Each structure stands twice: as C-alpha cells, then as structure tokens.
Amino acid sequence: MKKDISWQDLPDPADVSGVFAFAMSFNGYEELGSFEACTSAARERRRASLVDLRNELFCAARASRHTGSIGYLATYEALLPLFQQMLGAPTTNA
C-alpha cells in the first residue's frame, strides 16, 4: 500500500480504472484497525486529513465492487478538490 502520495498521483476523474486503482491503493481496514472503524469513519465524512479522504474513497470503491456499480466515481469527484488542496496541487486560473 502506498502511503505517501502527491497531487501527481491523483487520477483523472474520467479514468474509471485509474480511480479504482487509486482508491484500492489504500487499505482502510488496516489503516484504521478494523472493518467497523473503517466504515464508521467513512460514514462520518470527517474529511480533515488525507487518511479521512482516502478511507472514504476506499469504502466507496469497496461498496461499488460489491454492488457492481461505479458509484465510487461520484465520491472521488466530490473528494478531488479536497485531495488537491491537501496535496498542494497547483491551482488553475480560468
């Protein structure tokens, strides 16, 4: 599992397999100590740290895998600006 990430590691939201691979590069069960702690933290949507963001995305991807959906993409799109901010991604001026 890759713990240190940079903004360059963030996949394009249109890259379905890339987003899934990124989500699964973090194991919330191991990081938070149990399935219960992992899912509870994801439901809380704390979003105060990279661990919070990565765990929420991990849980969304796991749930999507079990249901055969791509619902994790909406979660990633919602979290992407927070990832970019926390990782110091350059901002674009429109």
N, C-alpha and C. Protein backbone atom coordinates (compact mmCIF):
# COMPACT_ATOMS: atom_id res chain seq x y z
N MET A 1 0.85 -1.18 0.00
CA MET A 1 0.00 0.00 0.00
C MET A 1 0.89 1.24 0.00
N LYS A 2 0.62 2.15 -0.89
CA LYS A 2 1.38 3.38 -0.99
C LYS A 2 0.80 4.40 -0.02
N LYS A 3 1.59 4.80 0.97
CA LYS A 3 1.09 5.75 1.96
C LYS A 3 1.36 7.19 1.57
N ASP A 4 2.52 7.46 1.00
CA ASP A 4 2.87 8.81 0.61
C ASP A 4 2.41 9.06 -0.82
N ILE A 5 1.55 10.04 -0.97
CA ILE A 5 1.06 10.38 -2.30
C ILE A 5 1.30 11.86 -2.55
N SER A 6 1.31 12.23 -3.80
CA SER A 6 1.41 13.63 -4.19
C SER A 6 0.24 13.94 -5.12
N TRP A 7 0.07 15.20 -5.41
CA TRP A 7 -1.06 15.57 -6.27
C TRP A 7 -0.92 14.94 -7.65
N GLN A 8 0.32 14.62 -8.07
CA GLN A 8 0.51 13.99 -9.37
C GLN A 8 -0.05 12.56 -9.41
N ASP A 9 -0.27 11.96 -8.25
CA ASP A 9 -0.83 10.61 -8.19
C ASP A 9 -2.34 10.58 -8.39
N LEU A 10 -2.98 11.73 -8.37
CA LEU A 10 -4.44 11.78 -8.48
C LEU A 10 -4.87 11.50 -9.91
N PRO A 11 -5.66 10.45 -10.12
CA PRO A 11 -6.09 10.14 -11.49
C PRO A 11 -7.16 11.11 -11.99
N ASP A 12 -7.26 11.17 -13.29
CA ASP A 12 -8.32 11.94 -13.92
C ASP A 12 -9.66 11.30 -13.56
N PRO A 13 -10.66 12.09 -13.18
CA PRO A 13 -11.96 11.51 -12.81
C PRO A 13 -12.60 10.66 -13.91
N ALA A 14 -12.22 10.88 -15.16
CA ALA A 14 -12.77 10.09 -16.27
C ALA A 14 -12.10 8.73 -16.42
N ASP A 15 -11.00 8.53 -15.72
CA ASP A 15 -10.25 7.27 -15.79
C ASP A 15 -10.81 6.29 -14.76
N VAL A 16 -11.84 5.57 -15.15
CA VAL A 16 -12.57 4.69 -14.24
C VAL A 16 -11.64 3.69 -13.55
N SER A 17 -10.81 3.00 -14.31
CA SER A 17 -9.92 2.01 -13.70
C SER A 17 -8.82 2.68 -12.89
N GLY A 18 -8.37 3.85 -13.32
CA GLY A 18 -7.35 4.58 -12.57
C GLY A 18 -7.86 5.05 -11.22
N VAL A 19 -9.09 5.53 -11.18
CA VAL A 19 -9.69 5.97 -9.92
C VAL A 19 -9.87 4.76 -9.00
N PHE A 20 -10.32 3.64 -9.55
CA PHE A 20 -10.50 2.45 -8.72
C PHE A 20 -9.15 1.98 -8.17
N ALA A 21 -8.13 1.95 -9.00
CA ALA A 21 -6.80 1.53 -8.55
C ALA A 21 -6.28 2.47 -7.47
N PHE A 22 -6.49 3.76 -7.65
CA PHE A 22 -6.07 4.73 -6.63
C PHE A 22 -6.81 4.48 -5.32
N ALA A 23 -8.11 4.27 -5.40
CA ALA A 23 -8.91 4.01 -4.20
C ALA A 23 -8.42 2.78 -3.47
N MET A 24 -8.07 1.75 -4.23
CA MET A 24 -7.66 0.49 -3.61
C MET A 24 -6.19 0.48 -3.21
N SER A 25 -5.45 1.54 -3.51
CA SER A 25 -4.05 1.62 -3.08
C SER A 25 -3.95 1.96 -1.60
N PHE A 26 -5.08 2.18 -0.96
CA PHE A 26 -5.17 2.46 0.47
C PHE A 26 -6.07 1.40 1.07
N ASN A 27 -5.67 0.83 2.20
CA ASN A 27 -6.49 -0.19 2.86
C ASN A 27 -7.00 0.38 4.18
N GLY A 28 -8.23 0.83 4.17
CA GLY A 28 -8.83 1.42 5.37
C GLY A 28 -8.94 0.46 6.53
N TYR A 29 -9.13 -0.81 6.23
CA TYR A 29 -9.24 -1.81 7.30
C TYR A 29 -7.93 -1.87 8.08
N GLU A 30 -6.81 -1.90 7.36
CA GLU A 30 -5.51 -1.95 8.02
C GLU A 30 -5.18 -0.61 8.68
N GLU A 31 -5.44 0.47 7.99
CA GLU A 31 -5.07 1.80 8.49
C GLU A 31 -5.85 2.16 9.75
N LEU A 32 -7.15 1.83 9.78
CA LEU A 32 -7.97 2.20 10.92
C LEU A 32 -8.15 1.06 11.92
N GLY A 33 -7.67 -0.11 11.59
CA GLY A 33 -7.63 -1.20 12.55
C GLY A 33 -8.73 -2.24 12.46
N SER A 34 -9.83 -1.92 11.81
CA SER A 34 -10.91 -2.90 11.69
C SER A 34 -11.92 -2.44 10.64
N PHE A 35 -12.73 -3.39 10.20
CA PHE A 35 -13.81 -3.07 9.27
C PHE A 35 -14.75 -2.03 9.89
N GLU A 36 -15.10 -2.23 11.15
CA GLU A 36 -16.05 -1.35 11.83
C GLU A 36 -15.52 0.08 11.92
N ALA A 37 -14.26 0.22 12.33
CA ALA A 37 -13.66 1.56 12.44
C ALA A 37 -13.57 2.23 11.08
N CYS A 38 -13.22 1.45 10.08
CA CYS A 38 -13.08 1.97 8.72
C CYS A 38 -14.42 2.49 8.19
N THR A 39 -15.44 1.68 8.28
CA THR A 39 -16.74 2.08 7.74
C THR A 39 -17.38 3.19 8.56
N SER A 40 -17.18 3.17 9.86
CA SER A 40 -17.72 4.23 10.71
C SER A 40 -17.09 5.57 10.36
N ALA A 41 -15.78 5.59 10.19
CA ALA A 41 -15.08 6.82 9.82
C ALA A 41 -15.54 7.32 8.45
N ALA A 42 -15.73 6.41 7.51
CA ALA A 42 -16.17 6.81 6.17
C ALA A 42 -17.57 7.42 6.22
N ARG A 43 -18.45 6.84 7.01
CA ARG A 43 -19.82 7.37 7.13
C ARG A 43 -19.83 8.76 7.76
N GLU A 44 -18.87 9.03 8.65
CA GLU A 44 -18.81 10.34 9.32
C GLU A 44 -18.39 11.46 8.37
N ARG A 45 -17.68 11.10 7.30
CA ARG A 45 -17.21 12.08 6.31
C ARG A 45 -16.47 13.24 6.98
N ARG A 46 -15.51 12.91 7.82
CA ARG A 46 -14.74 13.94 8.52
C ARG A 46 -13.97 14.83 7.56
N ARG A 47 -13.27 14.23 6.63
CA ARG A 47 -12.56 14.94 5.56
C ARG A 47 -11.55 15.96 6.09
N ALA A 48 -10.95 15.68 7.25
CA ALA A 48 -9.98 16.59 7.85
C ALA A 48 -8.54 16.23 7.54
N SER A 49 -8.31 15.04 7.00
CA SER A 49 -6.95 14.59 6.72
C SER A 49 -6.94 13.72 5.47
N LEU A 50 -5.75 13.46 4.96
CA LEU A 50 -5.64 12.56 3.82
C LEU A 50 -6.13 11.17 4.16
N VAL A 51 -5.89 10.72 5.38
CA VAL A 51 -6.39 9.40 5.80
C VAL A 51 -7.91 9.39 5.72
N ASP A 52 -8.56 10.46 6.18
CA ASP A 52 -10.02 10.54 6.10
C ASP A 52 -10.50 10.44 4.65
N LEU A 53 -9.86 11.21 3.76
CA LEU A 53 -10.26 11.21 2.35
C LEU A 53 -10.03 9.86 1.70
N ARG A 54 -8.85 9.31 1.93
CA ARG A 54 -8.52 8.03 1.30
C ARG A 54 -9.41 6.92 1.83
N ASN A 55 -9.74 6.97 3.11
CA ASN A 55 -10.61 5.95 3.69
C ASN A 55 -12.02 6.04 3.12
N GLU A 56 -12.53 7.25 2.99
CA GLU A 56 -13.88 7.41 2.43
C GLU A 56 -13.94 6.89 1.00
N LEU A 57 -12.91 7.19 0.21
CA LEU A 57 -12.87 6.70 -1.16
C LEU A 57 -12.71 5.19 -1.20
N PHE A 58 -11.87 4.64 -0.34
CA PHE A 58 -11.68 3.19 -0.25
C PHE A 58 -13.01 2.50 0.03
N CYS A 59 -13.75 3.00 1.01
CA CYS A 59 -15.04 2.38 1.35
C CYS A 59 -16.04 2.49 0.20
N ALA A 60 -16.04 3.62 -0.49
CA ALA A 60 -16.94 3.78 -1.63
C ALA A 60 -16.58 2.80 -2.74
N ALA A 61 -15.28 2.61 -2.98
CA ALA A 61 -14.85 1.67 -4.01
C ALA A 61 -15.18 0.24 -3.63
N ARG A 62 -14.99 -0.11 -2.37
CA ARG A 62 -15.33 -1.47 -1.92
C ARG A 62 -16.83 -1.72 -2.08
N ALA A 63 -17.64 -0.75 -1.68
CA ALA A 63 -19.09 -0.89 -1.81
C ALA A 63 -19.48 -1.02 -3.28
N SER A 64 -18.86 -0.23 -4.13
CA SER A 64 -19.15 -0.30 -5.57
C SER A 64 -18.77 -1.65 -6.14
N ARG A 65 -17.65 -2.18 -5.69
CA ARG A 65 -17.23 -3.51 -6.17
C ARG A 65 -18.29 -4.55 -5.82
N HIS A 66 -18.83 -4.47 -4.62
CA HIS A 66 -19.82 -5.46 -4.18
C HIS A 66 -21.16 -5.31 -4.89
N THR A 67 -21.49 -4.09 -5.31
CA THR A 67 -22.77 -3.87 -5.98
C THR A 67 -22.65 -3.85 -7.50
N GLY A 68 -21.42 -3.90 -7.99
CA GLY A 68 -21.22 -3.88 -9.44
C GLY A 68 -21.49 -2.52 -10.06
N SER A 69 -21.32 -1.46 -9.27
CA SER A 69 -21.59 -0.11 -9.77
C SER A 69 -20.29 0.69 -9.88
N ILE A 70 -20.42 1.91 -10.34
CA ILE A 70 -19.28 2.82 -10.37
C ILE A 70 -19.58 4.05 -9.50
N GLY A 71 -20.32 3.84 -8.44
CA GLY A 71 -20.68 4.93 -7.53
C GLY A 71 -19.49 5.61 -6.89
N TYR A 72 -18.38 4.90 -6.81
CA TYR A 72 -17.17 5.49 -6.21
C TYR A 72 -16.67 6.69 -7.01
N LEU A 73 -17.04 6.76 -8.29
CA LEU A 73 -16.60 7.90 -9.11
C LEU A 73 -17.19 9.21 -8.60
N ALA A 74 -18.44 9.19 -8.17
CA ALA A 74 -19.07 10.39 -7.62
C ALA A 74 -18.37 10.80 -6.32
N THR A 75 -18.00 9.81 -5.52
CA THR A 75 -17.28 10.11 -4.29
C THR A 75 -15.93 10.73 -4.62
N TYR A 76 -15.23 10.16 -5.59
CA TYR A 76 -13.93 10.71 -5.99
C TYR A 76 -14.08 12.15 -6.49
N GLU A 77 -15.07 12.40 -7.31
CA GLU A 77 -15.27 13.76 -7.82
C GLU A 77 -15.54 14.75 -6.69
N ALA A 78 -16.27 14.31 -5.66
CA ALA A 78 -16.54 15.18 -4.51
C ALA A 78 -15.28 15.40 -3.68
N LEU A 79 -14.44 14.38 -3.59
CA LEU A 79 -13.23 14.48 -2.77
C LEU A 79 -12.05 15.10 -3.50
N LEU A 80 -12.06 15.09 -4.82
CA LEU A 80 -10.91 15.55 -5.59
C LEU A 80 -10.43 16.95 -5.22
N PRO A 81 -11.31 17.95 -5.10
CA PRO A 81 -10.82 19.28 -4.71
C PRO A 81 -10.14 19.27 -3.33
N LEU A 82 -10.63 18.44 -2.43
CA LEU A 82 -10.01 18.34 -1.10
C LEU A 82 -8.65 17.67 -1.19
N PHE A 83 -8.55 16.61 -1.98
CA PHE A 83 -7.26 15.97 -2.22
C PHE A 83 -6.28 16.99 -2.79
N GLN A 84 -6.71 17.72 -3.80
CA GLN A 84 -5.83 18.69 -4.46
C GLN A 84 -5.36 19.75 -3.47
N GLN A 85 -6.27 20.23 -2.64
CA GLN A 85 -5.92 21.25 -1.66
C GLN A 85 -4.92 20.70 -0.64
N MET A 86 -5.19 19.53 -0.10
CA MET A 86 -4.31 18.95 0.92
C MET A 86 -2.95 18.57 0.37
N LEU A 87 -2.91 18.23 -0.91
CA LEU A 87 -1.65 17.80 -1.52
C LEU A 87 -0.91 18.95 -2.21
N GLY A 88 -1.47 20.15 -2.15
CA GLY A 88 -0.79 21.31 -2.71
C GLY A 88 -0.75 21.35 -4.22
N ALA A 89 -1.79 20.85 -4.85
CA ALA A 89 -1.84 20.88 -6.32
C ALA A 89 -1.90 22.33 -6.79
N PRO A 90 -1.24 22.62 -7.90
CA PRO A 90 -1.31 23.99 -8.43
C PRO A 90 -2.75 24.32 -8.83
N THR A 91 -3.12 25.54 -8.60
CA THR A 91 -4.46 25.97 -8.98
C THR A 91 -4.41 26.55 -10.38
N THR A 92 -5.53 26.43 -11.06
CA THR A 92 -5.63 26.98 -12.41
C THR A 92 -6.49 28.22 -12.36
N ASN A 93 -6.08 29.22 -13.07
CA ASN A 93 -6.87 30.45 -13.16
C ASN A 93 -7.65 30.43 -14.46
N ALA A 94 -8.96 30.47 -14.34
CA ALA A 94 -9.81 30.41 -15.53
C ALA A 94 -9.91 31.75 -16.19
